[in-house]
Amino acid sequence: MPMSTASRRERTGVAPGADGSPMAVTRVLRLLRILADHPAGLALTPLCMVMNAPKTSVLSLLRGLTVHGYLQRSNEAYGLGPESFALGASLVSARSLDVVALPFLREAAERSGETALIARIDRAADRLVYNPIIESTRAIRYAVPVGTTRPLFASSAGRVLLAFQDEAWRRDYLRRADLRAMTEHSVTDPAQLARLIEAARLSGLAVTSAK
């Protein structure tokens, strides 16, 4: 008897789950949650029983997540892989930084009357990202949306972040970066930038001005 379209979607995980999300996404998240609760790992059959899902669907998820390092297999048991732990550590680190930093950002904004923010480096994009941000309450103030990005070389925060990256990565960045002037005062000479970055490393401070 031919399988209906709905049945095929359910078996492949394309059909929506109870919360409206794709079933495959729901199953991936549930699978990771189950394995997080079983440090010793689980084999395919007990996993299917716990998830109440067909073996073909669960096996497909297991293989895909294992290939990408989010799971690892030992004998017949599957457990969380290095990429899952790296992701978890990154999330905890980012969240912990926000929790610790926010009271100090609020105090800095209150005492200075200016906007206070944290800039994080995105090494993959060669840019910095602003988050979190405590905006000044003044009528005339520096306002920037959370998640705004800037070139590393052209901002004071970017130069401080560059100053404390490993030396090989920093040298490679200065070779490959698009040092396009942002204003008429932008420093675009790699040798001069290297000196400014070294000064930031020694002092822990960098200053840029559009004037």
N, C-alpha and C. Protein backbone atom coordinates (compact mmCIF):
# COMPACT_ATOMS: atom_id res chain seq x y z
N MET A 1 0.85 -1.19 0.00
CA MET A 1 0.00 0.00 0.00
C MET A 1 0.89 1.23 0.00
N PRO A 2 0.70 2.19 -0.90
CA PRO A 2 1.56 3.37 -0.97
C PRO A 2 1.47 4.19 0.31
N MET A 3 2.62 4.72 0.72
CA MET A 3 2.68 5.54 1.92
C MET A 3 2.18 6.94 1.60
N SER A 4 1.34 7.51 2.46
CA SER A 4 0.82 8.85 2.24
C SER A 4 1.92 9.88 2.44
N THR A 5 1.68 11.07 1.89
CA THR A 5 2.64 12.16 2.05
C THR A 5 2.86 12.48 3.51
N ALA A 6 1.77 12.49 4.29
CA ALA A 6 1.88 12.79 5.72
C ALA A 6 2.73 11.75 6.44
N SER A 7 2.54 10.47 6.07
CA SER A 7 3.31 9.41 6.71
C SER A 7 4.78 9.53 6.37
N ARG A 8 5.07 9.85 5.09
CA ARG A 8 6.47 10.01 4.70
C ARG A 8 7.12 11.15 5.46
N ARG A 9 6.40 12.25 5.63
CA ARG A 9 6.94 13.38 6.37
C ARG A 9 7.22 13.01 7.82
N GLU A 10 6.30 12.24 8.41
CA GLU A 10 6.49 11.85 9.80
C GLU A 10 7.71 10.97 9.96
N ARG A 11 7.90 10.04 9.03
CA ARG A 11 9.02 9.11 9.14
C ARG A 11 10.35 9.82 8.90
N THR A 12 10.36 10.84 8.06
CA THR A 12 11.61 11.55 7.76
C THR A 12 11.86 12.70 8.71
N GLY A 13 10.89 13.01 9.58
CA GLY A 13 11.09 14.07 10.55
C GLY A 13 10.78 15.44 10.01
N VAL A 14 10.12 15.56 8.86
CA VAL A 14 9.81 16.86 8.28
C VAL A 14 8.52 17.42 8.85
N ALA A 15 7.60 16.55 9.26
CA ALA A 15 6.31 17.00 9.78
C ALA A 15 6.52 17.84 11.04
N PRO A 16 5.63 18.81 11.30
CA PRO A 16 5.79 19.65 12.49
C PRO A 16 5.52 18.86 13.76
N GLY A 17 6.23 19.26 14.83
CA GLY A 17 6.00 18.64 16.12
C GLY A 17 4.82 19.30 16.80
N ALA A 18 4.60 18.94 18.06
CA ALA A 18 3.45 19.46 18.79
C ALA A 18 3.53 20.97 18.99
N ASP A 19 4.77 21.52 19.05
CA ASP A 19 4.93 22.95 19.26
C ASP A 19 5.04 23.72 17.95
N GLY A 20 4.82 23.04 16.82
CA GLY A 20 4.87 23.69 15.52
C GLY A 20 6.23 23.68 14.87
N SER A 21 7.29 23.26 15.58
CA SER A 21 8.62 23.21 14.99
C SER A 21 8.79 21.93 14.18
N PRO A 22 9.70 21.90 13.21
CA PRO A 22 9.93 20.68 12.45
C PRO A 22 10.27 19.52 13.37
N MET A 23 9.73 18.33 13.08
CA MET A 23 9.93 17.19 13.96
C MET A 23 11.41 16.85 14.11
N ALA A 24 12.19 17.00 13.02
CA ALA A 24 13.62 16.68 13.09
C ALA A 24 14.32 17.56 14.12
N VAL A 25 13.96 18.85 14.15
CA VAL A 25 14.56 19.76 15.13
C VAL A 25 14.18 19.34 16.54
N THR A 26 12.90 19.03 16.74
CA THR A 26 12.43 18.60 18.05
C THR A 26 13.16 17.34 18.50
N ARG A 27 13.34 16.41 17.56
CA ARG A 27 14.00 15.15 17.92
C ARG A 27 15.48 15.36 18.22
N VAL A 28 16.15 16.24 17.48
CA VAL A 28 17.56 16.52 17.74
C VAL A 28 17.72 17.08 19.15
N LEU A 29 16.90 18.06 19.49
CA LEU A 29 17.00 18.68 20.81
C LEU A 29 16.68 17.68 21.92
N ARG A 30 15.67 16.85 21.69
CA ARG A 30 15.31 15.85 22.70
C ARG A 30 16.40 14.80 22.84
N LEU A 31 16.97 14.41 21.70
CA LEU A 31 18.06 13.43 21.71
C LEU A 31 19.25 13.94 22.52
N LEU A 32 19.64 15.19 22.29
CA LEU A 32 20.76 15.76 23.03
C LEU A 32 20.45 15.86 24.51
N ARG A 33 19.21 16.21 24.83
CA ARG A 33 18.81 16.32 26.23
C ARG A 33 18.87 14.96 26.92
N ILE A 34 18.39 13.93 26.24
CA ILE A 34 18.40 12.57 26.81
C ILE A 34 19.83 12.10 27.05
N LEU A 35 20.71 12.32 26.07
CA LEU A 35 22.09 11.87 26.21
C LEU A 35 22.84 12.69 27.26
N ALA A 36 22.44 13.95 27.44
CA ALA A 36 23.05 14.75 28.51
C ALA A 36 22.71 14.17 29.87
N ASP A 37 21.55 13.54 29.97
CA ASP A 37 21.13 12.92 31.23
C ASP A 37 21.66 11.50 31.40
N HIS A 38 22.36 11.00 30.38
CA HIS A 38 22.94 9.65 30.44
C HIS A 38 24.42 9.73 30.05
N PRO A 39 25.29 10.15 30.97
CA PRO A 39 26.72 10.33 30.65
C PRO A 39 27.39 9.09 30.09
N ALA A 40 26.90 7.91 30.47
CA ALA A 40 27.51 6.67 29.96
C ALA A 40 27.06 6.36 28.54
N GLY A 41 26.06 7.08 28.03
CA GLY A 41 25.58 6.86 26.68
C GLY A 41 24.45 5.85 26.62
N LEU A 42 23.80 5.81 25.46
CA LEU A 42 22.72 4.85 25.23
C LEU A 42 22.88 4.27 23.83
N ALA A 43 22.48 3.00 23.69
CA ALA A 43 22.50 2.35 22.38
C ALA A 43 21.25 2.74 21.60
N LEU A 44 21.20 2.37 20.34
CA LEU A 44 20.11 2.77 19.45
C LEU A 44 18.75 2.32 19.96
N THR A 45 18.62 1.06 20.34
CA THR A 45 17.31 0.53 20.73
C THR A 45 16.72 1.24 21.94
N PRO A 46 17.47 1.36 23.05
CA PRO A 46 16.89 2.09 24.18
C PRO A 46 16.62 3.56 23.87
N LEU A 47 17.43 4.16 23.01
CA LEU A 47 17.18 5.54 22.61
C LEU A 47 15.84 5.67 21.90
N CYS A 48 15.58 4.74 20.99
CA CYS A 48 14.31 4.75 20.26
C CYS A 48 13.13 4.58 21.20
N MET A 49 13.32 3.72 22.22
CA MET A 49 12.24 3.49 23.16
C MET A 49 11.96 4.75 23.99
N VAL A 50 13.02 5.40 24.44
CA VAL A 50 12.85 6.62 25.24
C VAL A 50 12.23 7.72 24.41
N MET A 51 12.66 7.83 23.14
CA MET A 51 12.16 8.89 22.28
C MET A 51 10.83 8.56 21.62
N ASN A 52 10.45 7.26 21.68
CA ASN A 52 9.24 6.81 21.01
C ASN A 52 9.27 7.19 19.53
N ALA A 53 10.39 6.87 18.89
CA ALA A 53 10.60 7.22 17.49
C ALA A 53 11.15 6.01 16.74
N PRO A 54 10.88 5.92 15.43
CA PRO A 54 11.37 4.77 14.65
C PRO A 54 12.89 4.75 14.55
N LYS A 55 13.44 3.54 14.45
CA LYS A 55 14.89 3.38 14.41
C LYS A 55 15.51 4.12 13.23
N THR A 56 14.85 4.09 12.08
CA THR A 56 15.43 4.73 10.89
C THR A 56 15.63 6.23 11.12
N SER A 57 14.66 6.88 11.75
CA SER A 57 14.76 8.32 12.00
C SER A 57 15.85 8.61 13.03
N VAL A 58 15.86 7.84 14.12
CA VAL A 58 16.84 8.08 15.18
C VAL A 58 18.25 7.79 14.67
N LEU A 59 18.41 6.72 13.90
CA LEU A 59 19.73 6.37 13.38
C LEU A 59 20.25 7.45 12.45
N SER A 60 19.37 8.04 11.65
CA SER A 60 19.77 9.12 10.76
C SER A 60 20.28 10.32 11.55
N LEU A 61 19.58 10.66 12.63
CA LEU A 61 20.02 11.76 13.48
C LEU A 61 21.36 11.44 14.15
N LEU A 62 21.49 10.23 14.65
CA LEU A 62 22.73 9.82 15.31
C LEU A 62 23.92 9.92 14.38
N ARG A 63 23.75 9.44 13.15
CA ARG A 63 24.85 9.47 12.19
C ARG A 63 25.25 10.90 11.85
N GLY A 64 24.25 11.75 11.61
CA GLY A 64 24.55 13.14 11.26
C GLY A 64 25.24 13.88 12.39
N LEU A 65 24.74 13.72 13.60
CA LEU A 65 25.33 14.41 14.74
C LEU A 65 26.71 13.87 15.08
N THR A 66 26.94 12.58 14.82
CA THR A 66 28.25 11.99 15.06
C THR A 66 29.28 12.50 14.05
N VAL A 67 28.88 12.58 12.80
CA VAL A 67 29.79 13.09 11.76
C VAL A 67 30.28 14.49 12.10
N HIS A 68 29.39 15.32 12.64
CA HIS A 68 29.74 16.71 12.95
C HIS A 68 30.30 16.89 14.36
N GLY A 69 30.50 15.79 15.08
CA GLY A 69 31.17 15.87 16.37
C GLY A 69 30.29 16.17 17.56
N TYR A 70 28.97 16.30 17.34
CA TYR A 70 28.08 16.59 18.46
C TYR A 70 27.78 15.35 19.27
N LEU A 71 27.98 14.18 18.68
CA LEU A 71 27.88 12.91 19.39
C LEU A 71 29.13 12.10 19.10
N GLN A 72 29.39 11.13 19.92
CA GLN A 72 30.45 10.17 19.66
C GLN A 72 29.96 8.77 20.04
N ARG A 73 30.51 7.79 19.35
CA ARG A 73 30.04 6.41 19.56
C ARG A 73 31.15 5.58 20.19
N SER A 74 30.80 4.85 21.23
CA SER A 74 31.72 3.92 21.87
C SER A 74 31.04 2.56 21.92
N ASN A 75 31.58 1.62 21.15
CA ASN A 75 30.93 0.33 20.96
C ASN A 75 29.52 0.57 20.40
N GLU A 76 28.48 0.21 21.14
CA GLU A 76 27.12 0.40 20.65
C GLU A 76 26.44 1.63 21.23
N ALA A 77 27.12 2.29 22.16
CA ALA A 77 26.49 3.40 22.88
C ALA A 77 26.88 4.75 22.27
N TYR A 78 25.91 5.64 22.21
CA TYR A 78 26.14 7.00 21.74
C TYR A 78 26.12 7.95 22.93
N GLY A 79 27.04 8.89 22.93
CA GLY A 79 27.09 9.91 23.98
C GLY A 79 27.42 11.26 23.38
N LEU A 80 27.37 12.29 24.20
CA LEU A 80 27.68 13.63 23.71
C LEU A 80 29.14 13.70 23.26
N GLY A 81 29.36 14.41 22.15
CA GLY A 81 30.69 14.55 21.59
C GLY A 81 31.32 15.89 21.93
N PRO A 82 32.55 16.11 21.48
CA PRO A 82 33.28 17.34 21.83
C PRO A 82 32.60 18.63 21.38
N GLU A 83 31.91 18.60 20.25
CA GLU A 83 31.25 19.83 19.78
C GLU A 83 30.09 20.22 20.70
N SER A 84 29.40 19.24 21.26
CA SER A 84 28.33 19.55 22.21
C SER A 84 28.89 20.21 23.45
N PHE A 85 30.02 19.68 23.95
CA PHE A 85 30.63 20.27 25.14
C PHE A 85 31.19 21.66 24.85
N ALA A 86 31.77 21.84 23.64
CA ALA A 86 32.29 23.15 23.27
C ALA A 86 31.17 24.18 23.18
N LEU A 87 30.04 23.76 22.59
CA LEU A 87 28.89 24.66 22.49
C LEU A 87 28.36 25.02 23.87
N GLY A 88 28.24 24.01 24.73
CA GLY A 88 27.77 24.26 26.09
C GLY A 88 28.69 25.21 26.85
N ALA A 89 30.01 25.00 26.70
CA ALA A 89 30.97 25.86 27.38
C ALA A 89 30.88 27.29 26.88
N SER A 90 30.68 27.46 25.57
CA SER A 90 30.56 28.80 25.00
C SER A 90 29.32 29.51 25.53
N LEU A 91 28.22 28.78 25.61
CA LEU A 91 26.98 29.37 26.11
C LEU A 91 27.11 29.76 27.58
N VAL A 92 27.72 28.88 28.37
CA VAL A 92 27.90 29.18 29.79
C VAL A 92 28.83 30.37 29.96
N SER A 93 29.91 30.40 29.17
CA SER A 93 30.86 31.50 29.26
C SER A 93 30.22 32.82 28.90
N ALA A 94 29.47 32.83 27.80
CA ALA A 94 28.82 34.07 27.37
C ALA A 94 27.80 34.54 28.40
N ARG A 95 27.00 33.60 28.92
CA ARG A 95 25.98 33.96 29.89
C ARG A 95 26.62 34.42 31.19
N SER A 96 27.70 33.75 31.62
CA SER A 96 28.36 34.12 32.86
C SER A 96 28.96 35.51 32.74
N LEU A 97 29.54 35.83 31.59
CA LEU A 97 30.12 37.16 31.38
C LEU A 97 29.05 38.23 31.51
N ASP A 98 27.89 38.00 30.91
CA ASP A 98 26.81 38.98 31.00
C ASP A 98 26.37 39.20 32.44
N VAL A 99 26.20 38.10 33.18
CA VAL A 99 25.74 38.19 34.56
C VAL A 99 26.74 38.97 35.40
N VAL A 100 28.03 38.70 35.21
CA VAL A 100 29.06 39.37 35.99
C VAL A 100 29.21 40.83 35.55
N ALA A 101 29.14 41.08 34.25
CA ALA A 101 29.45 42.40 33.72
C ALA A 101 28.34 43.42 33.87
N LEU A 102 27.08 43.00 33.83
CA LEU A 102 25.98 43.96 33.79
C LEU A 102 25.96 44.95 34.96
N PRO A 103 26.18 44.52 36.20
CA PRO A 103 26.19 45.52 37.29
C PRO A 103 27.29 46.57 37.11
N PHE A 104 28.46 46.15 36.61
CA PHE A 104 29.55 47.10 36.39
C PHE A 104 29.25 48.04 35.22
N LEU A 105 28.59 47.49 34.17
CA LEU A 105 28.21 48.34 33.04
C LEU A 105 27.20 49.39 33.49
N ARG A 106 26.24 48.99 34.31
CA ARG A 106 25.23 49.94 34.80
C ARG A 106 25.90 51.03 35.64
N GLU A 107 26.83 50.62 36.50
CA GLU A 107 27.53 51.60 37.33
C GLU A 107 28.35 52.55 36.47
N ALA A 108 29.04 52.01 35.45
CA ALA A 108 29.84 52.86 34.57
C ALA A 108 28.96 53.86 33.83
N ALA A 109 27.81 53.40 33.35
CA ALA A 109 26.90 54.29 32.63
C ALA A 109 26.34 55.36 33.56
N GLU A 110 26.01 54.99 34.80
CA GLU A 110 25.46 55.96 35.75
C GLU A 110 26.50 57.00 36.16
N ARG A 111 27.73 56.56 36.42
CA ARG A 111 28.77 57.48 36.89
C ARG A 111 29.29 58.39 35.78
N SER A 112 29.35 57.87 34.57
CA SER A 112 29.87 58.66 33.46
C SER A 112 28.79 59.43 32.71
N GLY A 113 27.57 58.94 32.80
CA GLY A 113 26.49 59.53 32.01
C GLY A 113 26.54 59.14 30.56
N GLU A 114 27.46 58.24 30.22
CA GLU A 114 27.63 57.81 28.84
C GLU A 114 27.20 56.36 28.66
N THR A 115 27.08 55.95 27.40
CA THR A 115 26.74 54.56 27.09
C THR A 115 27.92 53.65 27.45
N ALA A 116 27.63 52.52 28.05
CA ALA A 116 28.66 51.52 28.39
C ALA A 116 28.30 50.21 27.70
N LEU A 117 29.31 49.54 27.18
CA LEU A 117 29.04 48.29 26.45
C LEU A 117 30.24 47.37 26.52
N ILE A 118 30.01 46.13 26.15
CA ILE A 118 31.08 45.14 26.01
C ILE A 118 31.21 44.77 24.54
N ALA A 119 32.45 44.72 24.07
CA ALA A 119 32.73 44.30 22.70
C ALA A 119 33.37 42.91 22.75
N ARG A 120 32.83 42.01 21.96
CA ARG A 120 33.36 40.65 21.88
C ARG A 120 33.96 40.44 20.50
N ILE A 121 35.00 39.65 20.42
CA ILE A 121 35.63 39.39 19.13
C ILE A 121 34.98 38.20 18.43
N ASP A 122 34.72 38.37 17.15
CA ASP A 122 34.28 37.27 16.28
C ASP A 122 35.43 36.98 15.35
N ARG A 123 36.26 36.01 15.71
CA ARG A 123 37.47 35.75 14.94
C ARG A 123 37.15 35.23 13.55
N ALA A 124 36.04 34.52 13.41
CA ALA A 124 35.69 33.98 12.10
C ALA A 124 35.36 35.09 11.11
N ALA A 125 34.76 36.18 11.61
CA ALA A 125 34.36 37.28 10.74
C ALA A 125 35.35 38.44 10.77
N ASP A 126 36.39 38.34 11.61
CA ASP A 126 37.36 39.43 11.76
C ASP A 126 36.70 40.73 12.17
N ARG A 127 35.71 40.65 13.06
CA ARG A 127 34.99 41.83 13.50
C ARG A 127 34.72 41.73 15.01
N LEU A 128 34.30 42.85 15.59
CA LEU A 128 33.85 42.81 16.97
C LEU A 128 32.33 42.97 16.99
N VAL A 129 31.72 42.48 18.06
CA VAL A 129 30.27 42.53 18.23
C VAL A 129 29.97 43.21 19.55
N TYR A 130 29.04 44.18 19.54
CA TYR A 130 28.63 44.88 20.76
C TYR A 130 27.48 44.14 21.44
N ASN A 131 27.71 43.68 22.67
CA ASN A 131 26.68 42.99 23.45
C ASN A 131 27.30 42.53 24.78
N PRO A 132 26.69 42.92 25.91
CA PRO A 132 25.49 43.72 26.11
C PRO A 132 25.79 45.22 26.08
N ILE A 133 24.73 46.05 26.13
CA ILE A 133 24.87 47.50 26.05
C ILE A 133 23.95 48.15 27.10
N ILE A 134 24.50 49.08 27.86
CA ILE A 134 23.70 49.91 28.76
C ILE A 134 23.76 51.33 28.19
N GLU A 135 22.66 51.80 27.67
CA GLU A 135 22.64 53.07 26.97
C GLU A 135 22.49 54.24 27.93
N SER A 136 23.16 55.34 27.62
CA SER A 136 23.04 56.55 28.42
C SER A 136 21.60 57.06 28.41
N THR A 137 21.24 57.75 29.46
CA THR A 137 19.90 58.34 29.53
C THR A 137 19.88 59.78 29.04
N ARG A 138 21.01 60.30 28.61
CA ARG A 138 21.07 61.67 28.12
C ARG A 138 20.33 61.79 26.79
N ALA A 139 19.83 63.00 26.53
CA ALA A 139 19.12 63.24 25.27
C ALA A 139 20.05 63.04 24.08
N ILE A 140 21.28 63.54 24.21
CA ILE A 140 22.29 63.35 23.16
C ILE A 140 23.26 62.28 23.67
N ARG A 141 23.27 61.16 23.02
CA ARG A 141 24.06 60.03 23.51
C ARG A 141 24.51 59.15 22.35
N TYR A 142 25.47 58.29 22.66
CA TYR A 142 25.89 57.28 21.69
C TYR A 142 24.92 56.11 21.79
N ALA A 143 24.25 55.82 20.69
CA ALA A 143 23.27 54.73 20.67
C ALA A 143 23.64 53.74 19.59
N VAL A 144 23.71 52.49 19.95
CA VAL A 144 24.06 51.44 18.99
C VAL A 144 23.25 50.19 19.35
N PRO A 145 22.64 49.54 18.37
CA PRO A 145 21.85 48.34 18.67
C PRO A 145 22.72 47.17 19.14
N VAL A 146 22.18 46.36 20.02
CA VAL A 146 22.86 45.12 20.43
C VAL A 146 23.12 44.26 19.19
N GLY A 147 24.32 43.72 19.09
CA GLY A 147 24.67 42.88 17.95
C GLY A 147 25.34 43.64 16.83
N THR A 148 25.49 44.96 16.97
CA THR A 148 26.18 45.74 15.95
C THR A 148 27.64 45.27 15.84
N THR A 149 28.16 45.22 14.63
CA THR A 149 29.55 44.80 14.42
C THR A 149 30.38 45.97 13.89
N ARG A 150 31.68 45.89 14.13
CA ARG A 150 32.62 46.90 13.66
C ARG A 150 33.91 46.20 13.23
N PRO A 151 34.67 46.80 12.29
CA PRO A 151 35.98 46.25 11.96
C PRO A 151 36.90 46.33 13.17
N LEU A 152 37.71 45.33 13.38
CA LEU A 152 38.60 45.32 14.53
C LEU A 152 39.62 46.45 14.48
N PHE A 153 40.20 46.69 13.33
CA PHE A 153 41.32 47.63 13.23
C PHE A 153 40.89 49.08 13.45
N ALA A 154 39.62 49.39 13.19
CA ALA A 154 39.18 50.79 13.14
C ALA A 154 38.55 51.28 14.44
N SER A 155 38.49 50.45 15.47
CA SER A 155 37.84 50.85 16.71
C SER A 155 38.78 50.63 17.89
N SER A 156 38.60 51.43 18.93
CA SER A 156 39.46 51.27 20.11
C SER A 156 39.25 49.90 20.76
N ALA A 157 37.99 49.47 20.86
CA ALA A 157 37.72 48.15 21.45
C ALA A 157 38.35 47.05 20.60
N GLY A 158 38.28 47.21 19.28
CA GLY A 158 38.87 46.22 18.39
C GLY A 158 40.36 46.11 18.56
N ARG A 159 41.02 47.23 18.76
CA ARG A 159 42.48 47.21 18.94
C ARG A 159 42.87 46.54 20.26
N VAL A 160 42.08 46.78 21.30
CA VAL A 160 42.34 46.10 22.57
C VAL A 160 42.14 44.60 22.42
N LEU A 161 41.07 44.20 21.74
CA LEU A 161 40.82 42.78 21.51
C LEU A 161 41.95 42.16 20.69
N LEU A 162 42.40 42.87 19.65
CA LEU A 162 43.52 42.38 18.83
C LEU A 162 44.78 42.23 19.68
N ALA A 163 44.98 43.16 20.60
CA ALA A 163 46.21 43.17 21.40
C ALA A 163 46.37 41.90 22.22
N PHE A 164 45.26 41.26 22.56
CA PHE A 164 45.35 40.09 23.44
C PHE A 164 44.99 38.79 22.74
N GLN A 165 45.04 38.81 21.39
CA GLN A 165 44.96 37.56 20.63
C GLN A 165 46.37 36.98 20.50
N ASP A 166 46.45 35.70 20.14
CA ASP A 166 47.77 35.13 19.96
C ASP A 166 48.48 35.82 18.80
N GLU A 167 49.78 35.92 18.91
CA GLU A 167 50.57 36.74 17.99
C GLU A 167 50.44 36.28 16.54
N ALA A 168 50.46 34.97 16.30
CA ALA A 168 50.37 34.46 14.93
C ALA A 168 49.05 34.87 14.28
N TRP A 169 47.94 34.76 15.04
CA TRP A 169 46.63 35.13 14.49
C TRP A 169 46.58 36.63 14.21
N ARG A 170 47.16 37.43 15.12
CA ARG A 170 47.15 38.88 14.94
C ARG A 170 47.94 39.29 13.70
N ARG A 171 49.11 38.69 13.50
CA ARG A 171 49.90 39.00 12.30
C ARG A 171 49.14 38.62 11.04
N ASP A 172 48.50 37.45 11.06
CA ASP A 172 47.75 37.00 9.90
C ASP A 172 46.57 37.93 9.64
N TYR A 173 45.93 38.40 10.71
CA TYR A 173 44.82 39.34 10.54
C TYR A 173 45.26 40.61 9.83
N LEU A 174 46.39 41.17 10.25
CA LEU A 174 46.88 42.41 9.63
C LEU A 174 47.26 42.21 8.17
N ARG A 175 47.61 40.97 7.81
CA ARG A 175 47.94 40.68 6.40
C ARG A 175 46.68 40.55 5.55
N ARG A 176 45.63 39.96 6.11
CA ARG A 176 44.46 39.64 5.28
C ARG A 176 43.32 40.65 5.40
N ALA A 177 43.32 41.47 6.46
CA ALA A 177 42.18 42.36 6.71
C ALA A 177 42.04 43.42 5.62
N ASP A 178 40.80 43.78 5.36
CA ASP A 178 40.50 44.86 4.42
C ASP A 178 40.58 46.17 5.20
N LEU A 179 41.77 46.79 5.18
CA LEU A 179 42.01 47.99 5.98
C LEU A 179 41.50 49.22 5.25
N ARG A 180 40.22 49.23 5.03
CA ARG A 180 39.60 50.33 4.30
C ARG A 180 39.25 51.45 5.28
N ALA A 181 39.62 52.69 4.93
CA ALA A 181 39.41 53.82 5.82
C ALA A 181 37.92 54.01 6.11
N MET A 182 37.59 54.19 7.40
CA MET A 182 36.23 54.48 7.81
C MET A 182 35.98 55.99 7.82
N THR A 183 37.01 56.75 8.20
CA THR A 183 36.97 58.21 8.19
C THR A 183 38.32 58.69 7.66
N GLU A 184 38.48 60.00 7.53
CA GLU A 184 39.75 60.53 7.04
C GLU A 184 40.87 60.36 8.07
N HIS A 185 40.51 60.01 9.30
CA HIS A 185 41.50 59.80 10.35
C HIS A 185 41.81 58.32 10.59
N SER A 186 41.21 57.43 9.85
CA SER A 186 41.43 55.99 10.04
C SER A 186 42.88 55.62 9.76
N VAL A 187 43.43 54.78 10.61
CA VAL A 187 44.79 54.26 10.40
C VAL A 187 44.68 52.98 9.59
N THR A 188 45.29 52.96 8.43
CA THR A 188 45.19 51.79 7.55
C THR A 188 46.54 51.18 7.23
N ASP A 189 47.61 51.75 7.74
CA ASP A 189 48.94 51.20 7.51
C ASP A 189 49.20 50.05 8.48
N PRO A 190 49.47 48.83 8.00
CA PRO A 190 49.63 47.68 8.90
C PRO A 190 50.72 47.88 9.95
N ALA A 191 51.83 48.51 9.56
CA ALA A 191 52.92 48.70 10.53
C ALA A 191 52.50 49.66 11.64
N GLN A 192 51.81 50.74 11.27
CA GLN A 192 51.33 51.69 12.28
C GLN A 192 50.28 51.04 13.18
N LEU A 193 49.40 50.25 12.58
CA LEU A 193 48.39 49.55 13.37
C LEU A 193 49.04 48.58 14.36
N ALA A 194 50.09 47.90 13.91
CA ALA A 194 50.79 46.97 14.79
C ALA A 194 51.36 47.71 16.00
N ARG A 195 51.87 48.91 15.78
CA ARG A 195 52.41 49.70 16.89
C ARG A 195 51.30 50.13 17.85
N LEU A 196 50.17 50.54 17.30
CA LEU A 196 49.04 50.96 18.14
C LEU A 196 48.49 49.78 18.94
N ILE A 197 48.44 48.62 18.32
CA ILE A 197 47.95 47.42 19.00
C ILE A 197 48.90 47.01 20.12
N GLU A 198 50.21 47.12 19.86
CA GLU A 198 51.19 46.80 20.90
C GLU A 198 51.07 47.79 22.07
N ALA A 199 50.84 49.06 21.76
CA ALA A 199 50.64 50.05 22.82
C ALA A 199 49.40 49.72 23.64
N ALA A 200 48.35 49.26 22.98
CA ALA A 200 47.14 48.85 23.70
C ALA A 200 47.41 47.65 24.59
N ARG A 201 48.26 46.74 24.11
CA ARG A 201 48.59 45.57 24.92
C ARG A 201 49.33 45.96 26.19
N LEU A 202 50.24 46.93 26.06
CA LEU A 202 51.04 47.35 27.21
C LEU A 202 50.22 48.17 28.22
N SER A 203 49.32 49.00 27.72
CA SER A 203 48.56 49.88 28.61
C SER A 203 47.18 49.35 28.96
N GLY A 204 46.65 48.40 28.14
CA GLY A 204 45.30 47.92 28.34
C GLY A 204 44.24 48.92 27.90
N LEU A 205 44.67 49.91 27.12
CA LEU A 205 43.78 51.00 26.74
C LEU A 205 44.03 51.39 25.30
N ALA A 206 42.96 51.72 24.58
CA ALA A 206 43.09 52.26 23.23
C ALA A 206 42.04 53.36 23.04
N VAL A 207 42.39 54.35 22.26
CA VAL A 207 41.48 55.47 22.03
C VAL A 207 41.45 55.76 20.54
N THR A 208 40.25 55.96 19.99
CA THR A 208 40.11 56.42 18.61
C THR A 208 39.19 57.63 18.61
N SER A 209 39.35 58.49 17.61
CA SER A 209 38.53 59.69 17.53
C SER A 209 38.22 59.97 16.07
N ALA A 210 37.00 60.39 15.80
CA ALA A 210 36.60 60.73 14.44
C ALA A 210 36.96 62.17 14.10
N LYS A 211 37.47 62.92 15.11
CA LYS A 211 37.79 64.33 14.87
C LYS A 211 39.25 64.49 14.49
